[in-house]
N, C-alpha and C. Protein backbone atom coordinates (compact mmCIF):
# COMPACT_ATOMS: atom_id res chain seq x y z
N UNK A 1 0.85 -1.18 0.00
CA UNK A 1 0.00 0.00 0.00
C UNK A 1 0.90 1.24 0.00
N UNK A 2 0.60 2.16 -0.88
CA UNK A 2 1.37 3.39 -0.97
C UNK A 2 0.83 4.42 0.03
N UNK A 3 1.64 5.43 0.29
CA UNK A 3 1.31 6.47 1.26
C UNK A 3 -0.03 7.14 0.93
N UNK A 4 -0.21 7.52 -0.33
CA UNK A 4 -1.45 8.21 -0.74
C UNK A 4 -2.68 7.32 -0.51
N UNK A 5 -2.55 6.06 -0.83
CA UNK A 5 -3.65 5.10 -0.62
C UNK A 5 -3.97 4.96 0.88
N UNK A 6 -2.93 4.94 1.71
CA UNK A 6 -3.11 4.84 3.16
C UNK A 6 -3.79 6.10 3.70
N UNK A 7 -3.37 7.26 3.25
CA UNK A 7 -3.98 8.53 3.67
C UNK A 7 -5.47 8.52 3.31
N UNK A 8 -5.80 8.07 2.12
CA UNK A 8 -7.18 7.99 1.68
C UNK A 8 -7.99 7.03 2.57
N UNK A 9 -7.42 5.87 2.87
CA UNK A 9 -8.10 4.88 3.71
C UNK A 9 -8.38 5.44 5.10
N UNK A 10 -7.37 6.03 5.71
CA UNK A 10 -7.53 6.54 7.08
C UNK A 10 -8.47 7.75 7.10
N UNK A 11 -8.34 8.63 6.11
CA UNK A 11 -9.26 9.78 6.03
C UNK A 11 -10.70 9.31 5.96
N UNK A 12 -10.91 8.24 5.23
CA UNK A 12 -12.24 7.67 5.07
C UNK A 12 -12.80 7.08 6.37
N UNK A 13 -11.91 6.67 7.29
CA UNK A 13 -12.33 6.03 8.54
C UNK A 13 -12.42 6.99 9.72
N UNK A 14 -11.99 8.22 9.55
CA UNK A 14 -11.91 9.15 10.68
C UNK A 14 -13.27 9.38 11.37
N UNK A 15 -14.31 9.58 10.58
CA UNK A 15 -15.64 9.83 11.17
C UNK A 15 -16.12 8.58 11.93
N UNK A 16 -15.90 7.42 11.34
CA UNK A 16 -16.33 6.18 11.99
C UNK A 16 -15.60 5.95 13.32
N UNK A 17 -14.30 6.22 13.33
CA UNK A 17 -13.53 6.06 14.57
C UNK A 17 -13.96 7.10 15.59
N UNK A 18 -14.20 8.33 15.14
CA UNK A 18 -14.69 9.37 16.06
C UNK A 18 -15.99 8.92 16.71
N UNK A 19 -16.88 8.37 15.91
CA UNK A 19 -18.16 7.88 16.43
C UNK A 19 -17.94 6.68 17.36
N UNK A 20 -17.06 5.77 16.96
CA UNK A 20 -16.73 4.61 17.79
C UNK A 20 -16.22 5.05 19.16
N UNK A 21 -15.43 6.12 19.19
CA UNK A 21 -14.85 6.62 20.43
C UNK A 21 -15.79 7.57 21.19
N UNK A 22 -16.93 7.86 20.57
CA UNK A 22 -17.96 8.72 21.16
C UNK A 22 -17.45 10.14 21.41
N UNK A 23 -16.71 10.69 20.43
CA UNK A 23 -16.21 12.06 20.51
C UNK A 23 -17.03 12.96 19.60
N UNK A 24 -17.22 14.20 20.04
CA UNK A 24 -17.83 15.21 19.18
C UNK A 24 -16.78 15.68 18.18
N UNK A 25 -17.23 16.40 17.17
CA UNK A 25 -16.28 16.96 16.22
C UNK A 25 -15.35 17.96 16.90
N UNK A 26 -15.90 18.72 17.84
CA UNK A 26 -15.08 19.68 18.58
C UNK A 26 -13.96 18.96 19.34
N UNK A 27 -14.33 17.90 20.04
CA UNK A 27 -13.34 17.16 20.84
C UNK A 27 -12.30 16.48 19.94
N UNK A 28 -12.75 15.86 18.85
CA UNK A 28 -11.83 15.18 17.94
C UNK A 28 -10.86 16.17 17.31
N UNK A 29 -11.35 17.31 16.87
CA UNK A 29 -10.46 18.30 16.25
C UNK A 29 -9.45 18.82 17.27
N UNK A 30 -9.87 18.96 18.51
CA UNK A 30 -8.95 19.38 19.58
C UNK A 30 -7.87 18.31 19.81
N UNK A 31 -8.27 17.06 19.86
CA UNK A 31 -7.33 15.95 20.08
C UNK A 31 -6.31 15.89 18.95
N UNK A 32 -6.76 16.05 17.72
CA UNK A 32 -5.87 15.95 16.56
C UNK A 32 -5.08 17.23 16.27
N UNK A 33 -5.49 18.33 16.90
CA UNK A 33 -4.78 19.59 16.67
C UNK A 33 -5.09 20.22 15.33
N UNK A 34 -6.32 19.99 14.86
CA UNK A 34 -6.76 20.60 13.60
C UNK A 34 -8.05 21.37 13.88
N UNK A 35 -8.42 22.25 12.97
CA UNK A 35 -9.65 23.00 13.17
C UNK A 35 -10.86 22.10 12.95
N UNK A 36 -11.97 22.49 13.56
CA UNK A 36 -13.20 21.74 13.35
C UNK A 36 -13.60 21.79 11.88
N UNK A 37 -13.39 22.93 11.24
CA UNK A 37 -13.70 23.08 9.82
C UNK A 37 -12.93 22.06 8.98
N UNK A 38 -11.65 21.88 9.29
CA UNK A 38 -10.83 20.91 8.55
C UNK A 38 -11.36 19.50 8.78
N UNK A 39 -11.69 19.18 10.03
CA UNK A 39 -12.22 17.85 10.35
C UNK A 39 -13.52 17.60 9.58
N UNK A 40 -14.40 18.57 9.55
CA UNK A 40 -15.67 18.43 8.82
C UNK A 40 -15.40 18.17 7.34
N UNK A 41 -14.43 18.89 6.76
CA UNK A 41 -14.08 18.70 5.35
C UNK A 41 -13.56 17.28 5.10
N UNK A 42 -12.76 16.76 6.04
CA UNK A 42 -12.24 15.39 5.92
C UNK A 42 -13.38 14.38 6.04
N UNK A 43 -14.23 14.57 7.03
CA UNK A 43 -15.33 13.62 7.26
C UNK A 43 -16.34 13.62 6.11
N UNK A 44 -16.53 14.75 5.47
CA UNK A 44 -17.44 14.81 4.32
C UNK A 44 -16.76 14.42 3.02
N UNK A 45 -15.47 14.04 3.12
CA UNK A 45 -14.66 13.55 2.00
C UNK A 45 -14.45 14.64 0.93
N UNK A 46 -14.49 15.89 1.36
CA UNK A 46 -14.18 16.99 0.45
C UNK A 46 -12.67 17.20 0.34
N UNK A 47 -11.95 16.67 1.32
CA UNK A 47 -10.49 16.73 1.33
C UNK A 47 -9.96 15.52 2.10
N UNK A 48 -8.67 15.27 1.96
CA UNK A 48 -8.04 14.21 2.74
C UNK A 48 -7.19 14.85 3.83
N UNK A 49 -7.01 14.12 4.89
CA UNK A 49 -6.12 14.58 5.96
C UNK A 49 -4.69 14.61 5.44
N UNK A 50 -3.85 15.46 6.02
CA UNK A 50 -2.44 15.44 5.62
C UNK A 50 -1.71 14.34 6.39
N UNK A 51 -0.49 14.06 5.99
CA UNK A 51 0.28 12.96 6.58
C UNK A 51 0.46 13.13 8.09
N UNK A 52 0.73 14.35 8.54
CA UNK A 52 0.92 14.59 9.97
C UNK A 52 -0.34 14.25 10.76
N UNK A 53 -1.48 14.63 10.23
CA UNK A 53 -2.75 14.32 10.89
C UNK A 53 -3.00 12.81 10.90
N UNK A 54 -2.67 12.14 9.82
CA UNK A 54 -2.84 10.68 9.73
C UNK A 54 -1.96 9.99 10.77
N UNK A 55 -0.71 10.42 10.88
CA UNK A 55 0.22 9.82 11.84
C UNK A 55 -0.31 10.04 13.27
N UNK A 56 -0.74 11.26 13.58
CA UNK A 56 -1.28 11.55 14.91
C UNK A 56 -2.53 10.70 15.18
N UNK A 57 -3.40 10.63 14.19
CA UNK A 57 -4.63 9.85 14.33
C UNK A 57 -4.33 8.38 14.63
N UNK A 58 -3.41 7.80 13.87
CA UNK A 58 -3.05 6.39 14.06
C UNK A 58 -2.40 6.16 15.44
N UNK A 59 -1.57 7.11 15.86
CA UNK A 59 -0.92 6.98 17.17
C UNK A 59 -1.93 7.10 18.31
N UNK A 60 -2.84 8.04 18.18
CA UNK A 60 -3.81 8.29 19.26
C UNK A 60 -4.92 7.24 19.33
N UNK A 61 -5.25 6.65 18.19
CA UNK A 61 -6.36 5.69 18.15
C UNK A 61 -5.89 4.30 17.72
N UNK A 62 -4.66 3.95 18.08
CA UNK A 62 -4.09 2.67 17.65
C UNK A 62 -4.80 1.46 18.25
N UNK A 63 -5.64 1.67 19.24
CA UNK A 63 -6.39 0.54 19.82
C UNK A 63 -7.83 0.45 19.29
N UNK A 64 -8.18 1.32 18.36
CA UNK A 64 -9.51 1.30 17.77
C UNK A 64 -9.71 0.02 16.97
N UNK A 65 -10.70 -0.75 17.32
CA UNK A 65 -10.97 -2.01 16.62
C UNK A 65 -11.34 -1.75 15.16
N UNK A 66 -12.03 -0.67 14.91
CA UNK A 66 -12.39 -0.33 13.54
C UNK A 66 -11.14 -0.03 12.72
N UNK A 67 -10.21 0.71 13.29
CA UNK A 67 -8.98 1.04 12.59
C UNK A 67 -8.12 -0.20 12.37
N UNK A 68 -7.98 -1.01 13.39
CA UNK A 68 -7.19 -2.24 13.28
C UNK A 68 -7.79 -3.17 12.22
N UNK A 69 -9.11 -3.31 12.23
CA UNK A 69 -9.73 -4.22 11.25
C UNK A 69 -9.67 -3.64 9.83
N UNK A 70 -9.53 -2.35 9.69
CA UNK A 70 -9.39 -1.74 8.36
C UNK A 70 -8.01 -1.95 7.77
N UNK A 71 -7.02 -2.06 8.66
CA UNK A 71 -5.63 -2.20 8.22
C UNK A 71 -5.14 -3.63 8.32
N UNK A 72 -5.61 -4.33 9.35
CA UNK A 72 -5.17 -5.70 9.57
C UNK A 72 -3.91 -5.77 10.41
N UNK A 73 -3.52 -4.66 11.01
CA UNK A 73 -2.31 -4.62 11.83
C UNK A 73 -2.39 -3.38 12.71
N UNK A 74 -1.44 -3.26 13.62
CA UNK A 74 -1.36 -2.08 14.47
C UNK A 74 -1.15 -0.86 13.58
N UNK A 75 -2.00 0.16 13.71
CA UNK A 75 -1.88 1.34 12.85
C UNK A 75 -0.52 2.03 12.93
N UNK A 76 0.08 2.07 14.11
CA UNK A 76 1.38 2.72 14.26
C UNK A 76 2.46 1.93 13.51
N UNK A 77 2.41 0.61 13.59
CA UNK A 77 3.36 -0.22 12.84
C UNK A 77 3.22 0.03 11.35
N UNK A 78 1.99 0.18 10.91
CA UNK A 78 1.73 0.39 9.49
C UNK A 78 2.27 1.74 9.04
N UNK A 79 2.09 2.77 9.87
CA UNK A 79 2.64 4.10 9.58
C UNK A 79 4.15 4.00 9.45
N UNK A 80 4.79 3.29 10.38
CA UNK A 80 6.25 3.13 10.34
C UNK A 80 6.68 2.40 9.07
N UNK A 81 5.95 1.41 8.69
CA UNK A 81 6.27 0.65 7.48
C UNK A 81 6.21 1.56 6.25
N UNK A 82 5.17 2.33 6.14
CA UNK A 82 5.02 3.23 5.00
C UNK A 82 6.09 4.33 5.04
N UNK A 83 6.34 4.86 6.21
CA UNK A 83 7.32 5.94 6.34
C UNK A 83 8.74 5.46 6.03
N UNK A 84 9.07 4.25 6.44
CA UNK A 84 10.44 3.77 6.26
C UNK A 84 10.69 3.24 4.85
N UNK A 85 9.66 2.68 4.22
CA UNK A 85 9.73 2.09 2.88
C UNK A 85 10.78 0.99 2.76
N UNK A 86 11.57 0.75 3.78
CA UNK A 86 12.59 -0.29 3.66
C UNK A 86 12.41 -1.37 4.72
N UNK A 87 11.29 -1.34 5.42
CA UNK A 87 11.03 -2.38 6.39
C UNK A 87 11.85 -2.25 7.65
N UNK A 88 12.42 -1.09 7.92
CA UNK A 88 13.26 -0.91 9.09
C UNK A 88 12.50 -0.66 10.37
N UNK A 89 11.57 -1.51 10.68
CA UNK A 89 10.78 -1.36 11.89
C UNK A 89 11.51 -2.04 13.05
N UNK A 90 11.57 -1.40 14.19
CA UNK A 90 12.24 -2.02 15.32
C UNK A 90 11.60 -3.34 15.73
N UNK A 91 12.42 -4.24 16.23
CA UNK A 91 11.95 -5.54 16.70
C UNK A 91 11.00 -5.32 17.87
N UNK A 92 9.83 -5.94 17.80
CA UNK A 92 8.86 -5.82 18.89
C UNK A 92 7.96 -7.04 18.94
N UNK A 93 7.32 -7.23 20.07
CA UNK A 93 6.42 -8.36 20.30
C UNK A 93 5.12 -8.15 19.54
N UNK A 94 4.64 -9.22 18.89
CA UNK A 94 3.36 -9.18 18.18
C UNK A 94 2.42 -10.21 18.81
N UNK A 95 1.23 -10.31 18.27
CA UNK A 95 0.27 -11.31 18.73
C UNK A 95 0.48 -12.65 18.01
N UNK A 96 1.41 -12.70 17.09
CA UNK A 96 1.75 -13.94 16.42
C UNK A 96 1.00 -14.25 15.14
N UNK A 97 0.09 -13.38 14.76
CA UNK A 97 -0.59 -13.57 13.48
C UNK A 97 -1.76 -14.53 13.52
N UNK A 98 -2.48 -14.57 14.61
CA UNK A 98 -3.64 -15.47 14.72
C UNK A 98 -4.79 -15.01 13.83
N UNK A 99 -4.86 -13.69 13.63
CA UNK A 99 -5.91 -13.09 12.80
C UNK A 99 -5.22 -12.23 11.76
N UNK A 100 -5.72 -12.19 10.56
CA UNK A 100 -5.27 -11.33 9.47
C UNK A 100 -3.94 -11.73 8.84
N UNK A 101 -3.36 -12.85 9.22
CA UNK A 101 -2.05 -13.24 8.68
C UNK A 101 -2.10 -14.67 8.19
N UNK A 102 -1.38 -14.94 7.08
CA UNK A 102 -1.21 -16.33 6.64
C UNK A 102 0.29 -16.61 6.59
N UNK A 103 0.62 -17.85 6.92
CA UNK A 103 2.01 -18.28 6.91
C UNK A 103 2.44 -18.53 5.46
N UNK A 104 3.57 -17.97 5.07
CA UNK A 104 4.09 -18.12 3.71
C UNK A 104 5.25 -19.11 3.68
N UNK A 105 6.15 -19.00 4.66
CA UNK A 105 7.37 -19.82 4.65
C UNK A 105 7.92 -19.91 6.07
N UNK A 106 8.65 -20.98 6.34
CA UNK A 106 9.33 -21.18 7.62
C UNK A 106 10.80 -21.45 7.34
N UNK A 107 11.67 -20.91 8.13
CA UNK A 107 13.12 -21.17 8.05
C UNK A 107 13.65 -21.15 9.47
N UNK A 108 14.04 -22.31 9.98
CA UNK A 108 14.54 -22.37 11.35
C UNK A 108 13.48 -21.88 12.32
N UNK A 109 13.88 -20.92 13.15
CA UNK A 109 12.95 -20.36 14.15
C UNK A 109 12.18 -19.15 13.63
N UNK A 110 12.27 -18.88 12.34
CA UNK A 110 11.62 -17.71 11.76
C UNK A 110 10.53 -18.12 10.78
N UNK A 111 9.50 -17.29 10.69
CA UNK A 111 8.42 -17.56 9.74
C UNK A 111 8.03 -16.27 9.04
N UNK A 112 7.72 -16.42 7.77
CA UNK A 112 7.28 -15.31 6.94
C UNK A 112 5.76 -15.36 6.87
N UNK A 113 5.13 -14.20 7.15
CA UNK A 113 3.67 -14.12 7.09
C UNK A 113 3.27 -12.99 6.13
N UNK A 114 2.07 -13.14 5.57
CA UNK A 114 1.51 -12.09 4.72
C UNK A 114 0.18 -11.65 5.31
N UNK A 115 -0.02 -10.34 5.38
CA UNK A 115 -1.26 -9.78 5.90
C UNK A 115 -2.38 -9.99 4.88
N UNK A 116 -3.51 -10.48 5.33
CA UNK A 116 -4.63 -10.79 4.44
C UNK A 116 -5.36 -9.55 3.93
N UNK A 117 -5.18 -8.42 4.61
CA UNK A 117 -5.87 -7.20 4.20
C UNK A 117 -4.97 -6.32 3.33
N UNK A 118 -3.79 -6.00 3.85
CA UNK A 118 -2.91 -5.07 3.13
C UNK A 118 -1.91 -5.77 2.23
N UNK A 119 -1.75 -7.09 2.42
CA UNK A 119 -0.81 -7.91 1.66
C UNK A 119 0.67 -7.62 1.94
N UNK A 120 0.98 -6.88 3.02
CA UNK A 120 2.39 -6.69 3.33
C UNK A 120 2.91 -7.91 4.09
N UNK A 121 4.24 -8.02 4.15
CA UNK A 121 4.90 -9.19 4.72
C UNK A 121 5.61 -8.82 6.01
N UNK A 122 5.77 -9.82 6.86
CA UNK A 122 6.59 -9.64 8.06
C UNK A 122 7.23 -10.96 8.43
N UNK A 123 8.32 -10.87 9.17
CA UNK A 123 9.02 -12.05 9.67
C UNK A 123 8.96 -12.03 11.19
N UNK A 124 8.51 -13.14 11.75
CA UNK A 124 8.45 -13.29 13.20
C UNK A 124 9.37 -14.43 13.62
N UNK A 125 9.88 -14.33 14.86
CA UNK A 125 10.65 -15.44 15.40
C UNK A 125 9.71 -16.36 16.18
N UNK A 126 10.26 -17.40 16.82
CA UNK A 126 9.42 -18.38 17.52
C UNK A 126 8.70 -17.79 18.73
N UNK A 127 9.14 -16.59 19.17
CA UNK A 127 8.49 -15.93 20.30
C UNK A 127 7.56 -14.81 19.86
N UNK A 128 7.29 -14.74 18.56
CA UNK A 128 6.38 -13.77 17.95
C UNK A 128 6.93 -12.35 17.93
N UNK A 129 8.26 -12.19 17.95
CA UNK A 129 8.85 -10.87 17.78
C UNK A 129 9.04 -10.59 16.30
N UNK A 130 8.74 -9.36 15.90
CA UNK A 130 8.86 -8.94 14.51
C UNK A 130 10.31 -8.57 14.22
N UNK A 131 10.84 -9.14 13.15
CA UNK A 131 12.20 -8.86 12.72
C UNK A 131 12.27 -8.07 11.43
N UNK A 132 11.18 -8.07 10.69
CA UNK A 132 11.21 -7.43 9.37
C UNK A 132 9.77 -7.19 8.91
N UNK A 133 9.56 -6.10 8.18
CA UNK A 133 8.28 -5.82 7.52
C UNK A 133 8.56 -5.16 6.18
N UNK A 134 7.77 -5.52 5.18
CA UNK A 134 7.96 -4.94 3.85
C UNK A 134 6.76 -5.26 2.98
N UNK A 135 6.58 -4.46 1.94
CA UNK A 135 5.57 -4.76 0.92
C UNK A 135 6.15 -5.65 -0.17
N UNK A 136 7.46 -5.85 -0.14
CA UNK A 136 8.16 -6.58 -1.19
C UNK A 136 8.41 -8.02 -0.77
N UNK A 137 7.81 -8.97 -1.49
CA UNK A 137 7.94 -10.39 -1.13
C UNK A 137 9.38 -10.88 -1.30
N UNK A 138 10.00 -10.53 -2.41
CA UNK A 138 11.37 -11.00 -2.66
C UNK A 138 12.32 -10.51 -1.57
N UNK A 139 12.19 -9.26 -1.21
CA UNK A 139 13.00 -8.69 -0.13
C UNK A 139 12.76 -9.44 1.18
N UNK A 140 11.51 -9.77 1.45
CA UNK A 140 11.17 -10.47 2.69
C UNK A 140 11.70 -11.90 2.71
N UNK A 141 11.61 -12.59 1.58
CA UNK A 141 12.15 -13.96 1.49
C UNK A 141 13.67 -13.92 1.67
N UNK A 142 14.30 -12.95 1.05
CA UNK A 142 15.75 -12.79 1.17
C UNK A 142 16.15 -12.55 2.63
N UNK A 143 15.40 -11.70 3.31
CA UNK A 143 15.68 -11.42 4.73
C UNK A 143 15.44 -12.67 5.57
N UNK A 144 14.42 -13.46 5.26
CA UNK A 144 14.14 -14.70 5.97
C UNK A 144 15.33 -15.66 5.85
N UNK A 145 15.85 -15.81 4.65
CA UNK A 145 17.01 -16.68 4.42
C UNK A 145 18.23 -16.16 5.20
N UNK A 146 18.41 -14.86 5.17
CA UNK A 146 19.53 -14.24 5.89
C UNK A 146 19.42 -14.50 7.40
N UNK A 147 18.21 -14.35 7.95
CA UNK A 147 18.01 -14.60 9.38
C UNK A 147 18.26 -16.07 9.73
N UNK A 148 17.82 -16.97 8.85
CA UNK A 148 18.05 -18.40 9.07
C UNK A 148 19.55 -18.69 9.07
N UNK A 149 20.28 -18.10 8.14
CA UNK A 149 21.72 -18.32 8.07
C UNK A 149 22.43 -17.77 9.31
N UNK A 150 22.01 -16.60 9.78
CA UNK A 150 22.59 -16.04 11.00
C UNK A 150 22.30 -16.93 12.21
N UNK A 151 21.08 -17.49 12.25
CA UNK A 151 20.70 -18.40 13.32
C UNK A 151 21.57 -19.66 13.28
N UNK A 152 21.83 -20.19 12.10
CA UNK A 152 22.67 -21.39 11.95
C UNK A 152 24.09 -21.11 12.43
N UNK A 153 24.60 -19.94 12.14
CA UNK A 153 25.95 -19.57 12.61
C UNK A 153 25.98 -19.50 14.13
N UNK A 154 24.95 -18.88 14.72
CA UNK A 154 24.87 -18.78 16.19
C UNK A 154 24.76 -20.16 16.83
N UNK A 155 24.03 -21.07 16.19
CA UNK A 155 23.85 -22.42 16.73
C UNK A 155 25.16 -23.20 16.75
N UNK A 156 26.05 -22.89 15.81
CA UNK A 156 27.33 -23.58 15.74
C UNK A 156 28.31 -23.11 16.82
N UNK A 157 28.07 -21.97 17.37
CA UNK A 157 28.99 -21.40 18.37
C UNK A 157 28.86 -22.08 19.70
């Protein structure tokens, strides 16, 4: 998913998340640091939110079930993935991919998964820590092989 497509998706969900959180337009615009007029324009789909507003929105409402189900992953992780474009997301604990993920490949203690909604890839270890994220399958498979090889070297020590 490209940045513009993500901005469009999140802009489209802002009113629904505001309603889900039971916030007025005044309160939501205050939380996001934008004018009420701008929020109304976004909610009526006359304009899209800018990247800064999208990042703030995803960070502030990262536990919104509506937002998570729209993306298929933690919104903040997704923002980082789009912003980095190279999959340089810090290693962190995940839920292991019980929902929204399918297993693509296994190598040693690592597994490659693909998100069922956004189609991006990630590599998790046996403890469900994320080692890599990318939209590029070849890059992800290459990183999986690299991690397996590093693991084999460590096992020999």
